[in-house]
Amino acid sequence: MKEHIGFIGLGSMGEPMATNLVKAGCKLTVWNRSIEKSENLAKYGASVARDSDEVFSSCSIILMMLANDRVIDTILHRPSERFKRLVKNKVIVHMGTTLPNYSADLARDIKNAAGHYLEAPVSGSRLPAEQGKLVAMIAGEKSLRIKLTSLLAPITASIVECGAVPKAMQTKLAVNTYLIGLVTSLTEAVNFAKHAGIDMDIFKQVLCSGPMANDVMRVKLAKLLTKDYHTQASISDVLYNNQLITKSARLMGAITPLADTSELLYKQVAMNGYGSDDMIAVVEAFNKQ
């Protein structure tokens, strides 16, 4: 792609995503609050902006992989006249996860400021991000969705068009509802097996041989059996996503008993000091009973 692309937010997911874009030949200007992450990208050929405003002034498309709506609003100086100047004639791509209602409001404000807006949240943790195997869900103007599909090819295994904003964000939260429930139930199953005195090699063999086997289960089971809490998706991040799910569900009138319970468990282990550990550390909630 000939356009100069901006990338703001080089966290656990953003850094490998931006790295894969640069390695694929994308002309990328990056910015992150901690300069060290930007300098890492410079080694691969990315330009490093002095501040976030420079990304907007020098790039036509800006990808944002930011922690939450408060950070996004801060970066965009929203609402203000400065916001209008930043986004005018720019394509702003929101790749993080927020409430769908927030995304819809942001889309409206950017459109009113003569800018363009796309949602492109991704499914996957740091390892798929490093491997370029994320699943992207995109929503927004059709012509821009086509352009974004080409741009995101180096970081994705699959790109799914979801239609109009905020359908991509709603889809992401629905997918996360399943993912959180899947991993949380796996930790409960391991906890049950250990209390029953089951040979864990036998447990693993049965689980991995049957119809419930999948890549997420295999990776998380291996980490559980070795108590490897090295972060792929942190407890704090999962709790944040879980809270988005339950809040969004309430706004829609949907019932989420499993997500409600998971939220309590992740909140408990976060309060017990496991917030920066991988989500499998939620097993500690069972150990504390």
Protein backbone atom coordinates (compact mmCIF):
# COMPACT_ATOMS: atom_id res chain seq x y z
CA MET A 1 0.00 0.00 0.00
CA LYS A 2 1.42 3.36 -1.09
CA GLU A 3 -0.18 5.45 1.65
CA HIS A 4 1.82 6.36 4.70
CA ILE A 5 0.27 4.44 7.60
CA GLY A 6 0.28 5.49 11.25
CA PHE A 7 0.20 3.07 14.17
CA ILE A 8 -0.53 4.28 17.70
CA GLY A 9 -0.32 1.91 20.67
CA LEU A 10 2.55 -0.58 20.88
CA GLY A 11 1.42 -2.71 23.80
CA SER A 12 1.39 -6.48 24.11
CA MET A 13 -0.64 -6.82 20.90
CA GLY A 14 0.22 -3.62 19.09
CA GLU A 15 3.98 -4.11 19.00
CA PRO A 16 3.98 -7.46 17.14
CA MET A 17 1.18 -6.25 14.85
CA ALA A 18 3.14 -3.14 13.87
CA THR A 19 6.32 -5.19 13.49
CA ASN A 20 4.67 -7.54 11.01
CA LEU A 21 3.34 -4.60 9.01
CA VAL A 22 6.82 -3.05 8.75
CA LYS A 23 8.40 -6.37 7.81
CA ALA A 24 5.81 -6.70 5.04
CA GLY A 25 7.00 -3.43 3.54
CA CYS A 26 4.40 -1.05 4.94
CA LYS A 27 5.50 2.60 5.27
CA LEU A 28 4.76 2.98 8.96
CA THR A 29 5.05 5.85 11.41
CA VAL A 30 4.60 4.72 15.02
CA TRP A 31 4.04 6.32 18.39
CA ASN A 32 3.75 4.93 21.89
CA ARG A 33 3.72 6.58 25.30
CA SER A 34 6.84 4.62 26.29
CA ILE A 35 9.52 5.46 23.72
CA GLU A 36 11.29 2.09 24.09
CA LYS A 37 8.56 0.30 22.14
CA SER A 38 8.83 2.82 19.30
CA GLU A 39 12.60 2.39 19.17
CA ASN A 40 12.14 -1.36 18.76
CA LEU A 41 10.02 -0.70 15.68
CA ALA A 42 12.64 1.70 14.32
CA LYS A 43 15.05 -1.24 14.09
CA TYR A 44 12.78 -2.74 11.45
CA GLY A 45 12.43 0.46 9.46
CA ALA A 46 9.48 2.27 11.02
CA SER A 47 9.56 6.04 11.45
CA VAL A 48 9.14 7.20 15.05
CA ALA A 49 6.88 10.18 15.68
CA ARG A 50 7.75 12.74 18.35
CA ASP A 51 4.14 12.74 19.56
CA SER A 52 0.78 11.31 18.56
CA ASP A 53 -0.22 14.49 16.70
CA GLU A 54 2.70 13.97 14.30
CA VAL A 55 1.23 10.60 13.31
CA PHE A 56 -2.00 12.30 12.24
CA SER A 57 -0.22 15.08 10.35
CA SER A 58 2.03 12.71 8.39
CA CYS A 59 -0.28 9.74 7.72
CA SER A 60 -3.50 9.23 5.77
CA ILE A 61 -4.57 6.08 7.62
CA ILE A 62 -4.08 5.74 11.38
CA LEU A 63 -4.38 2.38 13.12
CA MET A 64 -5.04 2.63 16.86
CA MET A 65 -4.45 -0.32 19.19
CA LEU A 66 -5.22 1.40 22.47
CA ALA A 67 -6.24 0.16 25.90
CA ASN A 68 -9.67 1.71 26.32
CA ASP A 69 -12.02 4.55 25.41
CA ARG A 70 -10.38 7.02 27.81
CA VAL A 71 -6.99 6.57 26.14
CA ILE A 72 -8.54 6.89 22.69
CA ASP A 73 -10.31 10.13 23.63
CA THR A 74 -7.08 11.50 25.09
CA ILE A 75 -5.08 10.70 21.95
CA LEU A 76 -7.78 12.19 19.72
CA HIS A 77 -8.31 15.24 21.99
CA ARG A 78 -12.01 14.45 21.87
CA PRO A 79 -14.14 16.50 22.00
CA SER A 80 -12.38 19.68 20.89
CA GLU A 81 -11.54 21.76 17.85
CA ARG A 82 -8.17 20.03 17.88
CA PHE A 83 -9.99 16.70 17.41
CA LYS A 84 -11.66 18.04 14.28
CA ARG A 85 -8.34 19.16 12.82
CA LEU A 86 -6.67 15.82 13.59
CA VAL A 87 -9.25 13.55 11.97
CA LYS A 88 -10.30 15.67 8.99
CA ASN A 89 -9.73 13.72 5.75
CA LYS A 90 -8.08 10.90 7.72
CA VAL A 91 -9.08 7.25 8.00
CA ILE A 92 -9.16 6.31 11.69
CA VAL A 93 -9.10 2.56 12.40
CA HIS A 94 -10.07 1.46 15.91
CA MET A 95 -8.45 -1.95 16.51
CA GLY A 96 -8.85 -2.23 20.28
CA THR A 97 -11.94 -3.28 22.20
CA THR A 98 -14.51 -0.90 23.65
CA LEU A 99 -18.25 -0.79 24.18
CA PRO A 100 -20.07 -0.88 20.82
CA ASN A 101 -22.03 2.24 21.82
CA TYR A 102 -18.76 4.13 22.31
CA SER A 103 -17.54 3.03 18.89
CA ALA A 104 -20.76 4.13 17.24
CA ASP A 105 -20.51 7.57 18.90
CA LEU A 106 -16.87 7.90 17.83
CA ALA A 107 -17.81 7.01 14.24
CA ARG A 108 -20.46 9.76 14.26
CA ASP A 109 -18.06 12.39 15.64
CA ILE A 110 -15.34 11.53 13.13
CA LYS A 111 -17.82 11.67 10.25
CA ASN A 112 -19.08 15.06 11.46
CA ALA A 113 -15.45 16.26 11.44
CA ALA A 114 -15.07 15.19 7.77
CA GLY A 115 -13.04 12.12 8.63
CA HIS A 116 -13.55 8.41 8.02
CA TYR A 117 -13.85 5.64 10.59
CA LEU A 118 -13.47 1.88 10.61
CA GLU A 119 -13.65 -0.72 13.35
CA ALA A 120 -11.13 -3.55 13.12
CA PRO A 121 -10.92 -5.36 16.48
CA VAL A 122 -8.87 -8.54 16.40
CA SER A 123 -9.32 -11.94 17.99
CA GLY A 124 -6.20 -13.62 19.34
CA SER A 125 -3.50 -13.15 21.95
CA ARG A 126 0.16 -12.13 21.70
CA LEU A 127 1.35 -15.40 20.12
CA PRO A 128 -1.04 -15.22 17.13
CA ALA A 129 -0.14 -11.52 16.87
CA GLU A 130 3.54 -12.44 16.59
CA GLN A 131 2.73 -15.13 14.04
CA GLY A 132 0.52 -12.85 11.94
CA LYS A 133 -2.45 -15.14 12.55
CA LEU A 134 -5.01 -12.84 14.14
CA VAL A 135 -8.65 -12.79 13.05
CA ALA A 136 -9.80 -9.27 12.21
CA MET A 137 -13.41 -8.16 12.18
CA ILE A 138 -13.99 -5.00 10.17
CA ALA A 139 -16.96 -2.65 9.93
CA GLY A 140 -17.51 0.69 8.24
CA GLU A 141 -17.70 2.13 4.73
CA LYS A 142 -17.51 -0.68 2.17
CA SER A 143 -14.86 0.96 -0.03
CA LEU A 144 -12.66 1.49 3.00
CA ARG A 145 -13.22 -2.07 4.23
CA ILE A 146 -11.76 -3.32 0.95
CA LYS A 147 -8.68 -1.11 1.37
CA LEU A 148 -8.27 -2.18 5.00
CA THR A 149 -8.45 -5.85 4.06
CA SER A 150 -5.34 -5.42 1.90
CA LEU A 151 -3.53 -3.45 4.60
CA LEU A 152 -4.17 -5.97 7.37
CA ALA A 153 -3.20 -9.06 5.36
CA PRO A 154 0.31 -9.34 6.93
CA ILE A 155 -1.08 -9.55 10.47
CA THR A 156 -4.10 -11.78 9.97
CA ALA A 157 -5.03 -15.35 9.14
CA SER A 158 -8.59 -14.28 8.41
CA ILE A 159 -10.50 -11.03 7.88
CA VAL A 160 -14.27 -11.02 8.31
CA GLU A 161 -16.44 -8.17 7.05
CA CYS A 162 -19.17 -7.42 9.59
CA GLY A 163 -21.04 -4.60 7.89
CA ALA A 164 -21.76 -1.24 9.50
CA VAL A 165 -20.33 0.13 12.76
CA PRO A 166 -20.62 -1.15 15.53
CA LYS A 167 -21.16 -4.70 14.23
CA ALA A 168 -17.46 -5.58 14.36
CA MET A 169 -17.22 -4.53 18.00
CA GLN A 170 -20.37 -6.47 18.86
CA THR A 171 -18.94 -9.52 17.11
CA LYS A 172 -15.67 -9.18 19.03
CA LEU A 173 -17.50 -9.14 22.36
CA ALA A 174 -19.58 -12.17 21.37
CA VAL A 175 -16.39 -14.06 20.44
CA ASN A 176 -14.75 -13.03 23.71
CA THR A 177 -17.78 -14.29 25.62
CA TYR A 178 -17.06 -17.75 24.26
CA LEU A 179 -13.28 -17.49 24.72
CA ILE A 180 -13.47 -16.41 28.37
CA GLY A 181 -16.01 -19.11 29.15
CA LEU A 182 -13.88 -21.72 27.38
CA VAL A 183 -10.67 -20.96 29.29
CA THR A 184 -12.42 -20.45 32.62
CA SER A 185 -14.21 -23.80 32.36
CA LEU A 186 -10.91 -25.45 31.42
CA THR A 187 -9.29 -24.15 34.61
CA GLU A 188 -12.23 -25.50 36.62
CA ALA A 189 -11.90 -28.90 34.93
CA VAL A 190 -8.17 -29.04 35.74
CA ASN A 191 -8.89 -28.05 39.32
CA PHE A 192 -11.52 -30.82 39.57
CA ALA A 193 -9.15 -33.40 38.06
CA LYS A 194 -6.36 -32.52 40.48
CA HIS A 195 -8.67 -32.76 43.49
CA ALA A 196 -9.88 -36.15 42.25
CA GLY A 197 -6.31 -37.41 42.03
CA ILE A 198 -6.57 -38.12 38.30
CA ASP A 199 -3.33 -38.79 36.45
CA MET A 200 -2.93 -35.51 34.56
CA ASP A 201 -1.30 -37.21 31.57
CA ILE A 202 -4.41 -39.36 31.21
CA PHE A 203 -6.65 -36.31 31.62
CA LYS A 204 -4.68 -34.48 28.93
CA GLN A 205 -4.79 -37.47 26.57
CA VAL A 206 -8.57 -37.82 26.84
CA LEU A 207 -9.23 -34.09 26.49
CA CYS A 208 -6.91 -33.66 23.52
CA SER A 209 -8.23 -36.76 21.73
CA GLY A 210 -11.91 -35.89 21.80
CA PRO A 211 -14.24 -33.50 19.97
CA MET A 212 -13.62 -30.69 22.50
CA ALA A 213 -9.96 -30.36 21.51
CA ASN A 214 -8.91 -27.05 19.95
CA ASP A 215 -5.78 -24.91 19.71
CA VAL A 216 -6.76 -22.61 22.59
CA MET A 217 -7.44 -25.56 24.87
CA ARG A 218 -4.13 -27.25 24.02
CA VAL A 219 -2.07 -24.10 24.66
CA LYS A 220 -3.87 -23.18 27.88
CA LEU A 221 -3.91 -26.76 29.19
CA ALA A 222 -0.13 -27.02 28.78
CA LYS A 223 0.28 -23.77 30.71
CA LEU A 224 -2.10 -24.92 33.44
CA LEU A 225 -0.34 -28.24 33.95
CA THR A 226 3.03 -26.52 34.39
CA LYS A 227 1.61 -23.48 36.21
CA ASP A 228 3.08 -21.26 33.52
CA TYR A 229 1.52 -17.85 34.14
CA HIS A 230 3.65 -16.08 31.53
CA THR A 231 1.25 -13.63 29.89
CA GLN A 232 -0.43 -14.22 26.57
CA ALA A 233 -3.67 -12.48 27.61
CA SER A 234 -3.50 -10.99 31.09
CA ILE A 235 -6.04 -11.32 33.90
CA SER A 236 -6.51 -7.53 33.86
CA ASP A 237 -7.17 -7.44 30.11
CA VAL A 238 -9.60 -10.35 30.34
CA LEU A 239 -11.41 -8.70 33.24
CA TYR A 240 -11.71 -5.49 31.20
CA ASN A 241 -13.16 -7.43 28.26
CA ASN A 242 -15.49 -9.37 30.54
CA GLN A 243 -16.79 -6.12 32.00
CA LEU A 244 -17.44 -4.80 28.48
CA ILE A 245 -19.42 -7.96 27.74
CA THR A 246 -21.62 -7.75 30.81
CA LYS A 247 -22.17 -4.00 30.48
CA SER A 248 -23.03 -4.30 26.78
CA ALA A 249 -25.33 -7.23 27.54
CA ARG A 250 -27.23 -5.17 30.11
CA LEU A 251 -27.68 -2.36 27.58
CA MET A 252 -29.12 -4.87 25.09
CA GLY A 253 -31.20 -6.78 27.63
CA ALA A 254 -29.19 -10.01 27.17
CA ILE A 255 -28.69 -12.45 30.06
CA THR A 256 -25.10 -13.59 30.70
CA PRO A 257 -24.93 -15.83 33.79
CA LEU A 258 -21.61 -17.46 32.81
CA ALA A 259 -19.98 -14.12 32.00
CA ASP A 260 -21.29 -12.69 35.28
CA THR A 261 -19.63 -15.51 37.22
CA SER A 262 -16.39 -15.23 35.22
CA GLU A 263 -16.24 -11.51 35.98
CA LEU A 264 -16.37 -12.23 39.71
CA LEU A 265 -13.59 -14.82 39.42
CA TYR A 266 -11.24 -12.62 37.35
CA LYS A 267 -11.89 -9.68 39.64
CA GLN A 268 -10.98 -11.84 42.65
CA VAL A 269 -7.66 -13.04 41.24
CA ALA A 270 -6.80 -9.51 40.05
CA MET A 271 -7.36 -8.23 43.59
CA ASN A 272 -5.14 -11.05 44.86
CA GLY A 273 -2.18 -9.80 42.82
CA TYR A 274 -2.44 -11.82 39.59
CA GLY A 275 -3.55 -8.99 37.32
CA SER A 276 -0.47 -9.06 35.09
CA ASP A 277 -0.40 -12.88 34.83
CA ASP A 278 -1.95 -14.94 32.05
CA MET A 279 -5.68 -15.55 32.20
CA ILE A 280 -5.14 -19.16 33.29
CA ALA A 281 -4.18 -17.74 36.68
CA VAL A 282 -7.93 -17.54 37.24
CA VAL A 283 -7.44 -21.08 38.58
CA GLU A 284 -6.16 -19.35 41.71
CA ALA A 285 -9.76 -18.33 42.42
CA PHE A 286 -10.58 -22.03 42.86
CA ASN A 287 -7.46 -22.61 44.93
CA LYS A 288 -8.50 -19.88 47.37
CA GLN A 289 -11.93 -21.37 48.09
